[in-house]
């Protein structure tokens, strides 16, 4: 259900962004996109963790921790990008 809810929220927010062209709605779209990407990463890590592979006898238990770090990096980059878009650098430089 969370997959469907996140996809519907992203679509609705993209439509709202197209209509309003608001920076706060753009930040909400980025937040929803990052949530969806995080859900994909964590679901993939969980799926791979459950599969047994003889090449990894101990298991793939560290994949979840790596996916959490990946999600954190994506959130940091998305937050920086939103902050940069919201700051008018042309006004500051002039």
PDB file of N, CA and C in Angstrom:
ATOM      1  N   UNK A   1       0.814  -1.200   0.000  1.00  0.00           N
ATOM      2  CA  UNK A   1       0.000   0.000   0.000  1.00  0.00           C
ATOM      3  C   UNK A   1       0.860   1.269   0.000  1.00  0.00           C
ATOM      4  N   UNK A   2       2.009   1.218   0.652  1.00  0.00           N
ATOM      5  CA  UNK A   2       2.840   2.427   0.699  1.00  0.00           C
ATOM      6  C   UNK A   2       3.387   2.774  -0.678  1.00  0.00           C
ATOM      7  N   UNK A   3       3.641   1.749  -1.511  1.00  0.00           N
ATOM      8  CA  UNK A   3       4.088   2.018  -2.883  1.00  0.00           C
ATOM      9  C   UNK A   3       3.033   2.819  -3.632  1.00  0.00           C
ATOM     10  N   UNK A   4       1.795   2.352  -3.562  1.00  0.00           N
ATOM     11  CA  UNK A   4       0.698   3.008  -4.283  1.00  0.00           C
ATOM     12  C   UNK A   4       0.481   4.419  -3.747  1.00  0.00           C
ATOM     13  N   UNK A   5       0.495   4.559  -2.425  1.00  0.00           N
ATOM     14  CA  UNK A   5       0.287   5.878  -1.817  1.00  0.00           C
ATOM     15  C   UNK A   5       1.390   6.856  -2.224  1.00  0.00           C
ATOM     16  N   UNK A   6       2.640   6.403  -2.206  1.00  0.00           N
ATOM     17  CA  UNK A   6       3.753   7.288  -2.586  1.00  0.00           C
ATOM     18  C   UNK A   6       3.697   7.680  -4.057  1.00  0.00           C
ATOM     19  N   UNK A   7       3.322   6.751  -4.918  1.00  0.00           N
ATOM     20  CA  UNK A   7       3.225   7.074  -6.346  1.00  0.00           C
ATOM     21  C   UNK A   7       2.098   8.053  -6.601  1.00  0.00           C
ATOM     22  N   UNK A   8       0.948   7.835  -5.956  1.00  0.00           N
ATOM     23  CA  UNK A   8      -0.188   8.762  -6.119  1.00  0.00           C
ATOM     24  C   UNK A   8       0.170  10.146  -5.589  1.00  0.00           C
ATOM     25  N   UNK A   9       0.817  10.203  -4.433  1.00  0.00           N
ATOM     26  CA  UNK A   9       1.232  11.499  -3.879  1.00  0.00           C
ATOM     27  C   UNK A   9       2.201  12.222  -4.815  1.00  0.00           C
ATOM     28  N   UNK A  10       3.132  11.480  -5.378  1.00  0.00           N
ATOM     29  CA  UNK A  10       4.090  12.103  -6.297  1.00  0.00           C
ATOM     30  C   UNK A  10       3.386  12.659  -7.525  1.00  0.00           C
ATOM     31  N   UNK A  11       2.452  11.904  -8.083  1.00  0.00           N
ATOM     32  CA  UNK A  11       1.726  12.370  -9.270  1.00  0.00           C
ATOM     33  C   UNK A  11       0.907  13.614  -8.949  1.00  0.00           C
ATOM     34  N   UNK A  12       0.213  13.597  -7.814  1.00  0.00           N
ATOM     35  CA  UNK A  12      -0.610  14.754  -7.432  1.00  0.00           C
ATOM     36  C   UNK A  12       0.271  15.983  -7.209  1.00  0.00           C
ATOM     37  N   UNK A  13       1.413  15.794  -6.570  1.00  0.00           N
ATOM     38  CA  UNK A  13       2.307  16.929  -6.312  1.00  0.00           C
ATOM     39  C   UNK A  13       2.931  17.461  -7.597  1.00  0.00           C
ATOM     40  N   UNK A  14       3.236  16.596  -8.545  1.00  0.00           N
ATOM     41  CA  UNK A  14       3.775  17.053  -9.835  1.00  0.00           C
ATOM     42  C   UNK A  14       2.721  17.876 -10.573  1.00  0.00           C
ATOM     43  N   UNK A  15       1.468  17.433 -10.522  1.00  0.00           N
ATOM     44  CA  UNK A  15       0.379  18.205 -11.151  1.00  0.00           C
ATOM     45  C   UNK A  15       0.218  19.557 -10.455  1.00  0.00           C
ATOM     46  N   UNK A  16       0.289  19.556  -9.123  1.00  0.00           N
ATOM     47  CA  UNK A  16       0.187  20.819  -8.379  1.00  0.00           C
ATOM     48  C   UNK A  16       1.347  21.746  -8.708  1.00  0.00           C
ATOM     49  N   UNK A  17       2.532  21.179  -8.901  1.00  0.00           N
ATOM     50  CA  UNK A  17       3.690  21.998  -9.277  1.00  0.00           C
ATOM     51  C   UNK A  17       3.508  22.599 -10.661  1.00  0.00           C
ATOM     52  N   UNK A  18       2.977  21.810 -11.591  1.00  0.00           N
ATOM     53  CA  UNK A  18       2.751  22.318 -12.946  1.00  0.00           C
ATOM     54  C   UNK A  18       1.734  23.447 -12.948  1.00  0.00           C
ATOM     55  N   UNK A  19       0.751  23.359 -12.075  1.00  0.00           N
ATOM     56  CA  UNK A  19      -0.287  24.395 -12.014  1.00  0.00           C
ATOM     57  C   UNK A  19       0.220  25.639 -11.288  1.00  0.00           C
ATOM     58  N   UNK A  20       0.894  25.456 -10.157  1.00  0.00           N
ATOM     59  CA  UNK A  20       1.246  26.606  -9.313  1.00  0.00           C
ATOM     60  C   UNK A  20       2.632  27.174  -9.563  1.00  0.00           C
ATOM     61  N   UNK A  21       3.587  26.338  -9.981  1.00  0.00           N
ATOM     62  CA  UNK A  21       4.975  26.754 -10.167  1.00  0.00           C
ATOM     63  C   UNK A  21       5.549  27.360  -8.883  1.00  0.00           C
ATOM     64  N   UNK A  22       5.166  26.779  -7.745  1.00  0.00           N
ATOM     65  CA  UNK A  22       5.595  27.260  -6.436  1.00  0.00           C
ATOM     66  C   UNK A  22       6.849  26.522  -5.989  1.00  0.00           C
ATOM     67  N   UNK A  23       7.743  27.260  -5.324  1.00  0.00           N
ATOM     68  CA  UNK A  23       8.967  26.642  -4.836  1.00  0.00           C
ATOM     69  C   UNK A  23       8.694  25.695  -3.671  1.00  0.00           C
ATOM     70  N   UNK A  24       7.708  25.991  -2.859  1.00  0.00           N
ATOM     71  CA  UNK A  24       7.393  25.096  -1.750  1.00  0.00           C
ATOM     72  C   UNK A  24       6.784  23.796  -2.258  1.00  0.00           C
ATOM     73  N   UNK A  25       5.988  23.872  -3.322  1.00  0.00           N
ATOM     74  CA  UNK A  25       5.445  22.652  -3.921  1.00  0.00           C
ATOM     75  C   UNK A  25       6.567  21.868  -4.597  1.00  0.00           C
ATOM     76  N   UNK A  26       7.534  22.551  -5.189  1.00  0.00           N
ATOM     77  CA  UNK A  26       8.691  21.869  -5.783  1.00  0.00           C
ATOM     78  C   UNK A  26       9.474  21.122  -4.710  1.00  0.00           C
ATOM     79  N   UNK A  27       9.618  21.734  -3.541  1.00  0.00           N
ATOM     80  CA  UNK A  27      10.296  21.051  -2.435  1.00  0.00           C
ATOM     81  C   UNK A  27       9.507  19.817  -1.994  1.00  0.00           C
ATOM     82  N   UNK A  28       8.182  19.913  -1.996  1.00  0.00           N
ATOM     83  CA  UNK A  28       7.350  18.761  -1.645  1.00  0.00           C
ATOM     84  C   UNK A  28       7.475  17.650  -2.687  1.00  0.00           C
ATOM     85  N   UNK A  29       7.592  18.032  -3.970  1.00  0.00           N
ATOM     86  CA  UNK A  29       7.779  17.033  -5.032  1.00  0.00           C
ATOM     87  C   UNK A  29       9.115  16.316  -4.842  1.00  0.00           C
ATOM     88  N   UNK A  30      10.150  17.058  -4.554  1.00  0.00           N
ATOM     89  CA  UNK A  30      11.465  16.457  -4.323  1.00  0.00           C
ATOM     90  C   UNK A  30      11.402  15.514  -3.121  1.00  0.00           C
ATOM     91  N   UNK A  31      10.712  15.931  -2.071  1.00  0.00           N
ATOM     92  CA  UNK A  31      10.569  15.093  -0.881  1.00  0.00           C
ATOM     93  C   UNK A  31       9.845  13.785  -1.217  1.00  0.00           C
ATOM     94  N   UNK A  32       8.781  13.869  -1.984  1.00  0.00           N
ATOM     95  CA  UNK A  32       8.053  12.656  -2.366  1.00  0.00           C
ATOM     96  C   UNK A  32       8.899  11.757  -3.267  1.00  0.00           C
ATOM     97  N   UNK A  33       9.658  12.351  -4.168  1.00  0.00           N
ATOM     98  CA  UNK A  33      10.523  11.560  -5.043  1.00  0.00           C
ATOM     99  C   UNK A  33      11.617  10.859  -4.235  1.00  0.00           C
ATOM    100  N   UNK A  34      12.192  11.559  -3.277  1.00  0.00           N
ATOM    101  CA  UNK A  34      13.221  10.959  -2.426  1.00  0.00           C
ATOM    102  C   UNK A  34      12.613   9.838  -1.588  1.00  0.00           C
ATOM    103  N   UNK A  35      11.391  10.023  -1.094  1.00  0.00           N
ATOM    104  CA  UNK A  35      10.722   8.956  -0.348  1.00  0.00           C
ATOM    105  C   UNK A  35      10.530   7.720  -1.210  1.00  0.00           C
ATOM    106  N   UNK A  36      10.137   7.917  -2.448  1.00  0.00           N
ATOM    107  CA  UNK A  36       9.929   6.793  -3.354  1.00  0.00           C
ATOM    108  C   UNK A  36      11.240   6.091  -3.684  1.00  0.00           C
ATOM    109  N   UNK A  37      12.293   6.857  -3.910  1.00  0.00           N
ATOM    110  CA  UNK A  37      13.610   6.274  -4.184  1.00  0.00           C
ATOM    111  C   UNK A  37      14.117   5.507  -2.959  1.00  0.00           C
ATOM    112  N   UNK A  38      13.899   6.062  -1.774  1.00  0.00           N
ATOM    113  CA  UNK A  38      14.305   5.380  -0.543  1.00  0.00           C
ATOM    114  C   UNK A  38      13.550   4.075  -0.367  1.00  0.00           C
ATOM    115  N   UNK A  39      12.269   4.092  -0.685  1.00  0.00           N
ATOM    116  CA  UNK A  39      11.466   2.878  -0.592  1.00  0.00           C
ATOM    117  C   UNK A  39      11.976   1.816  -1.555  1.00  0.00           C
ATOM    118  N   UNK A  40      12.359   2.216  -2.752  1.00  0.00           N
ATOM    119  CA  UNK A  40      12.910   1.264  -3.729  1.00  0.00           C
ATOM    120  C   UNK A  40      14.232   0.679  -3.225  1.00  0.00           C
ATOM    121  N   UNK A  41      15.108   1.534  -2.701  1.00  0.00           N
ATOM    122  CA  UNK A  41      16.397   1.055  -2.205  1.00  0.00           C
ATOM    123  C   UNK A  41      16.228   0.086  -1.036  1.00  0.00           C
ATOM    124  N   UNK A  42      15.389   0.448  -0.072  1.00  0.00           N
ATOM    125  CA  UNK A  42      15.205  -0.409   1.090  1.00  0.00           C
ATOM    126  C   UNK A  42      14.509  -1.720   0.728  1.00  0.00           C
ATOM    127  N   UNK A  43      13.551  -1.664  -0.182  1.00  0.00           N
ATOM    128  CA  UNK A  43      12.871  -2.887  -0.608  1.00  0.00           C
ATOM    129  C   UNK A  43      13.833  -3.807  -1.361  1.00  0.00           C
ATOM    130  N   UNK A  44      14.664  -3.226  -2.213  1.00  0.00           N
ATOM    131  CA  UNK A  44      15.665  -4.022  -2.923  1.00  0.00           C
ATOM    132  C   UNK A  44      16.667  -4.661  -1.978  1.00  0.00           C
ATOM    133  N   UNK A  45      17.092  -3.914  -0.974  1.00  0.00           N
ATOM    134  CA  UNK A  45      18.039  -4.469   0.002  1.00  0.00           C
ATOM    135  C   UNK A  45      17.394  -5.596   0.795  1.00  0.00           C
ATOM    136  N   UNK A  46      16.143  -5.412   1.178  1.00  0.00           N
ATOM    137  CA  UNK A  46      15.444  -6.470   1.919  1.00  0.00           C
ATOM    138  C   UNK A  46      15.265  -7.725   1.059  1.00  0.00           C
ATOM    139  N   UNK A  47      14.941  -7.537  -0.212  1.00  0.00           N
ATOM    140  CA  UNK A  47      14.755  -8.668  -1.123  1.00  0.00           C
ATOM    141  C   UNK A  47      16.063  -9.438  -1.311  1.00  0.00           C
ATOM    142  N   UNK A  48      17.167  -8.696  -1.499  1.00  0.00           N
ATOM    143  CA  UNK A  48      18.461  -9.354  -1.682  1.00  0.00           C
ATOM    144  C   UNK A  48      18.952 -10.004  -0.388  1.00  0.00           C
ATOM    145  N   UNK A  49      18.594  -9.453   0.756  1.00  0.00           N
ATOM    146  CA  UNK A  49      19.009 -10.015   2.033  1.00  0.00           C
ATOM    147  C   UNK A  49      18.355 -11.373   2.248  1.00  0.00           C
ATOM    148  N   UNK A  50      17.118 -11.527   1.827  1.00  0.00           N
ATOM    149  CA  UNK A  50      16.396 -12.785   2.024  1.00  0.00           C
ATOM    150  C   UNK A  50      16.897 -13.914   1.121  1.00  0.00           C
ATOM    151  N   UNK A  51      17.457 -13.561  -0.030  1.00  0.00           N
ATOM    152  CA  UNK A  51      17.936 -14.591  -0.958  1.00  0.00           C
ATOM    153  C   UNK A  51      19.273 -15.147  -0.472  1.00  0.00           C
ATOM    154  N   UNK A  52      19.382 -16.467  -0.473  1.00  0.00           N
ATOM    155  CA  UNK A  52      20.646 -17.092  -0.080  1.00  0.00           C
ATOM    156  C   UNK A  52      21.529 -17.260  -1.316  1.00  0.00           C
ATOM    157  N   UNK A  53      22.791 -16.914  -1.159  1.00  0.00           N
ATOM    158  CA  UNK A  53      23.751 -17.046  -2.243  1.00  0.00           C
ATOM    159  C   UNK A  53      25.010 -17.700  -1.676  1.00  0.00           C
ATOM    160  N   UNK A  54      25.491 -18.777  -2.283  1.00  0.00           N
ATOM    161  CA  UNK A  54      26.696 -19.441  -1.753  1.00  0.00           C
ATOM    162  C   UNK A  54      27.952 -18.565  -1.832  1.00  0.00           C
ATOM    163  N   UNK A  55      27.938 -17.540  -2.665  1.00  0.00           N
ATOM    164  CA  UNK A  55      29.084 -16.622  -2.728  1.00  0.00           C
ATOM    165  C   UNK A  55      29.169 -15.735  -1.499  1.00  0.00           C
ATOM    166  N   UNK A  56      28.051 -15.594  -0.789  1.00  0.00           N
ATOM    167  CA  UNK A  56      28.010 -14.776   0.422  1.00  0.00           C
ATOM    168  C   UNK A  56      27.527 -15.663   1.574  1.00  0.00           C
ATOM    169  N   UNK A  57      28.422 -16.476   2.152  1.00  0.00           N
ATOM    170  CA  UNK A  57      27.988 -17.442   3.170  1.00  0.00           C
ATOM    171  C   UNK A  57      27.465 -16.791   4.451  1.00  0.00           C
ATOM    172  N   UNK A  58      27.976 -15.646   4.783  1.00  0.00           N
ATOM    173  CA  UNK A  58      27.505 -14.969   5.995  1.00  0.00           C
ATOM    174  C   UNK A  58      26.150 -14.330   5.744  1.00  0.00           C
ATOM    175  N   UNK A  59      25.888 -14.019   4.513  1.00  0.00           N
ATOM    176  CA  UNK A  59      24.621 -13.374   4.185  1.00  0.00           C
ATOM    177  C   UNK A  59      24.852 -11.959   3.718  1.00  0.00           C
ATOM    178  N   UNK A  60      23.785 -11.337   3.422  1.00  0.00           N
ATOM    179  CA  UNK A  60      23.852  -9.952   2.924  1.00  0.00           C
ATOM    180  C   UNK A  60      23.226  -9.000   3.928  1.00  0.00           C
ATOM    181  N   UNK A  61      23.512  -9.229   5.185  1.00  0.00           N
ATOM    182  CA  UNK A  61      22.871  -8.442   6.243  1.00  0.00           C
ATOM    183  C   UNK A  61      23.309  -6.982   6.226  1.00  0.00           C
ATOM    184  N   UNK A  62      24.428  -6.691   5.623  1.00  0.00           N
ATOM    185  CA  UNK A  62      24.910  -5.311   5.609  1.00  0.00           C
ATOM    186  C   UNK A  62      24.294  -4.478   4.480  1.00  0.00           C
ATOM    187  N   UNK A  63      23.545  -5.120   3.603  1.00  0.00           N
ATOM    188  CA  UNK A  63      22.926  -4.381   2.504  1.00  0.00           C
ATOM    189  C   UNK A  63      21.922  -3.353   3.008  1.00  0.00           C
ATOM    190  N   UNK A  64      21.201  -3.692   4.073  1.00  0.00           N
ATOM    191  CA  UNK A  64      20.226  -2.748   4.597  1.00  0.00           C
ATOM    192  C   UNK A  64      20.919  -1.494   5.132  1.00  0.00           C
ATOM    193  N   UNK A  65      22.025  -1.683   5.830  1.00  0.00           N
ATOM    194  CA  UNK A  65      22.771  -0.525   6.339  1.00  0.00           C
ATOM    195  C   UNK A  65      23.318   0.319   5.192  1.00  0.00           C
ATOM    196  N   UNK A  66      23.796  -0.330   4.143  1.00  0.00           N
ATOM    197  CA  UNK A  66      24.288   0.416   2.978  1.00  0.00           C
ATOM    198  C   UNK A  66      23.166   1.163   2.273  1.00  0.00           C
ATOM    199  N   UNK A  67      21.994   0.550   2.205  1.00  0.00           N
ATOM    200  CA  UNK A  67      20.881   1.238   1.557  1.00  0.00           C
ATOM    201  C   UNK A  67      20.415   2.430   2.384  1.00  0.00           C
ATOM    202  N   UNK A  68      20.494   2.329   3.705  1.00  0.00           N
ATOM    203  CA  UNK A  68      20.155   3.478   4.549  1.00  0.00           C
ATOM    204  C   UNK A  68      21.145   4.612   4.324  1.00  0.00           C
ATOM    205  N   UNK A  69      22.429   4.273   4.202  1.00  0.00           N
ATOM    206  CA  UNK A  69      23.429   5.307   3.896  1.00  0.00           C
ATOM    207  C   UNK A  69      23.181   5.927   2.525  1.00  0.00           C
ATOM    208  N   UNK A  70      22.801   5.103   1.557  1.00  0.00           N
ATOM    209  CA  UNK A  70      22.467   5.622   0.235  1.00  0.00           C
ATOM    210  C   UNK A  70      21.278   6.559   0.279  1.00  0.00           C
ATOM    211  N   UNK A  71      20.265   6.202   1.060  1.00  0.00           N
ATOM    212  CA  UNK A  71      19.087   7.075   1.207  1.00  0.00           C
ATOM    213  C   UNK A  71      19.466   8.397   1.860  1.00  0.00           C
ATOM    214  N   UNK A  72      20.336   8.333   2.851  1.00  0.00           N
ATOM    215  CA  UNK A  72      20.781   9.560   3.515  1.00  0.00           C
ATOM    216  C   UNK A  72      21.532  10.464   2.543  1.00  0.00           C
ATOM    217  N   UNK A  73      22.383   9.871   1.713  1.00  0.00           N
ATOM    218  CA  UNK A  73      23.121  10.666   0.724  1.00  0.00           C
ATOM    219  C   UNK A  73      22.173  11.298  -0.285  1.00  0.00           C
ATOM    220  N   UNK A  74      21.176  10.545  -0.730  1.00  0.00           N
ATOM    221  CA  UNK A  74      20.197  11.096  -1.672  1.00  0.00           C
ATOM    222  C   UNK A  74      19.434  12.247  -1.032  1.00  0.00           C
ATOM    223  N   UNK A  75      19.056  12.094   0.236  1.00  0.00           N
ATOM    224  CA  UNK A  75      18.331  13.174   0.926  1.00  0.00           C
ATOM    225  C   UNK A  75      19.199  14.415   1.086  1.00  0.00           C
ATOM    226  N   UNK A  76      20.470  14.218   1.371  1.00  0.00           N
ATOM    227  CA  UNK A  76      21.368  15.369   1.515  1.00  0.00           C
ATOM    228  C   UNK A  76      21.484  16.113   0.187  1.00  0.00           C
ATOM    229  N   UNK A  77      21.716  15.383  -0.896  1.00  0.00           N
ATOM    230  CA  UNK A  77      21.845  16.030  -2.203  1.00  0.00           C
ATOM    231  C   UNK A  77      20.548  16.718  -2.614  1.00  0.00           C
ATOM    232  N   UNK A  78      19.415  16.092  -2.335  1.00  0.00           N
ATOM    233  CA  UNK A  78      18.126  16.698  -2.677  1.00  0.00           C
ATOM    234  C   UNK A  78      17.883  17.963  -1.857  1.00  0.00           C
ATOM    235  N   UNK A  79      18.226  17.930  -0.573  1.00  0.00           N
ATOM    236  CA  UNK A  79      18.038  19.108   0.276  1.00  0.00           C
ATOM    237  C   UNK A  79      18.919  20.265  -0.174  1.00  0.00           C
ATOM    238  N   UNK A  80      20.163  19.965  -0.517  1.00  0.00           N
ATOM    239  CA  UNK A  80      21.068  21.011  -1.004  1.00  0.00           C
ATOM    240  C   UNK A  80      20.540  21.603  -2.305  1.00  0.00           C
ATOM    241  N   UNK A  81      20.046  20.744  -3.194  1.00  0.00           N
ATOM    242  CA  UNK A  81      19.517  21.226  -4.476  1.00  0.00           C
ATOM    243  C   UNK A  81      18.300  22.121  -4.269  1.00  0.00           C
ATOM    244  N   UNK A  82      17.414  21.736  -3.353  1.00  0.00           N
ATOM    245  CA  UNK A  82      16.237  22.570  -3.069  1.00  0.00           C
ATOM    246  C   UNK A  82      16.669  23.903  -2.479  1.00  0.00           C
ATOM    247  N   UNK A  83      17.631  23.878  -1.568  1.00  0.00           N
ATOM    248  CA  UNK A  83      18.122  25.137  -0.976  1.00  0.00           C
ATOM    249  C   UNK A  83      18.743  26.036  -2.039  1.00  0.00           C
ATOM    250  N   UNK A  84      19.514  25.451  -2.942  1.00  0.00           N
ATOM    251  CA  UNK A  84      20.137  26.254  -3.992  1.00  0.00           C
ATOM    252  C   UNK A  84      19.098  26.844  -4.943  1.00  0.00           C
ATOM    253  N   UNK A  85      18.048  26.087  -5.234  1.00  0.00           N
ATOM    254  CA  UNK A  85      16.994  26.603  -6.113  1.00  0.00           C
ATOM    255  C   UNK A  85      16.202  27.712  -5.444  1.00  0.00           C
ATOM    256  N   UNK A  86      16.086  27.649  -4.119  1.00  0.00           N
ATOM    257  CA  UNK A  86      15.292  28.653  -3.409  1.00  0.00           C
ATOM    258  C   UNK A  86      16.054  29.954  -3.187  1.00  0.00           C
ATOM    259  N   UNK A  87      17.369  29.873  -3.188  1.00  0.00           N
ATOM    260  CA  UNK A  87      18.181  31.079  -2.995  1.00  0.00           C
ATOM    261  C   UNK A  87      18.419  31.708  -4.356  1.00  0.00           C
ATOM    262  N   UNK A  88      18.178  32.983  -4.432  1.00  0.00           N
ATOM    263  CA  UNK A  88      18.367  33.697  -5.708  1.00  0.00           C
ATOM    264  C   UNK A  88      19.802  34.204  -5.750  1.00  0.00           C
ATOM    265  N   UNK A  89      20.701  33.420  -6.376  1.00  0.00           N
ATOM    266  CA  UNK A  89      22.101  33.795  -6.416  1.00  0.00           C
ATOM    267  C   UNK A  89      22.371  35.046  -7.254  1.00  0.00           C
ATOM    268  N   UNK A  90      21.568  35.295  -8.264  1.00  0.00           N
ATOM    269  CA  UNK A  90      21.763  36.494  -9.061  1.00  0.00           C
ATOM    270  C   UNK A  90      21.572  37.754  -8.217  1.00  0.00           C
ATOM    271  N   UNK A  91      20.624  37.714  -7.311  1.00  0.00           N
ATOM    272  CA  UNK A  91      20.357  38.853  -6.440  1.00  0.00           C
ATOM    273  C   UNK A  91      21.494  39.047  -5.435  1.00  0.00           C
ATOM    274  N   UNK A  92      22.056  37.930  -4.919  1.00  0.00           N
ATOM    275  CA  UNK A  92      23.128  38.015  -3.939  1.00  0.00           C
ATOM    276  C   UNK A  92      24.408  38.530  -4.590  1.00  0.00           C
ATOM    277  N   UNK A  93      24.697  38.072  -5.785  1.00  0.00           N
ATOM    278  CA  UNK A  93      25.938  38.472  -6.458  1.00  0.00           C
ATOM    279  C   UNK A  93      25.887  39.950  -6.862  1.00  0.00           C
ATOM    280  N   UNK A  94      24.740  40.427  -7.276  1.00  0.00           N
ATOM    281  CA  UNK A  94      24.627  41.821  -7.747  1.00  0.00           C
ATOM    282  C   UNK A  94      24.687  42.832  -6.645  1.00  0.00           C
TER     283      UNK A  94
END
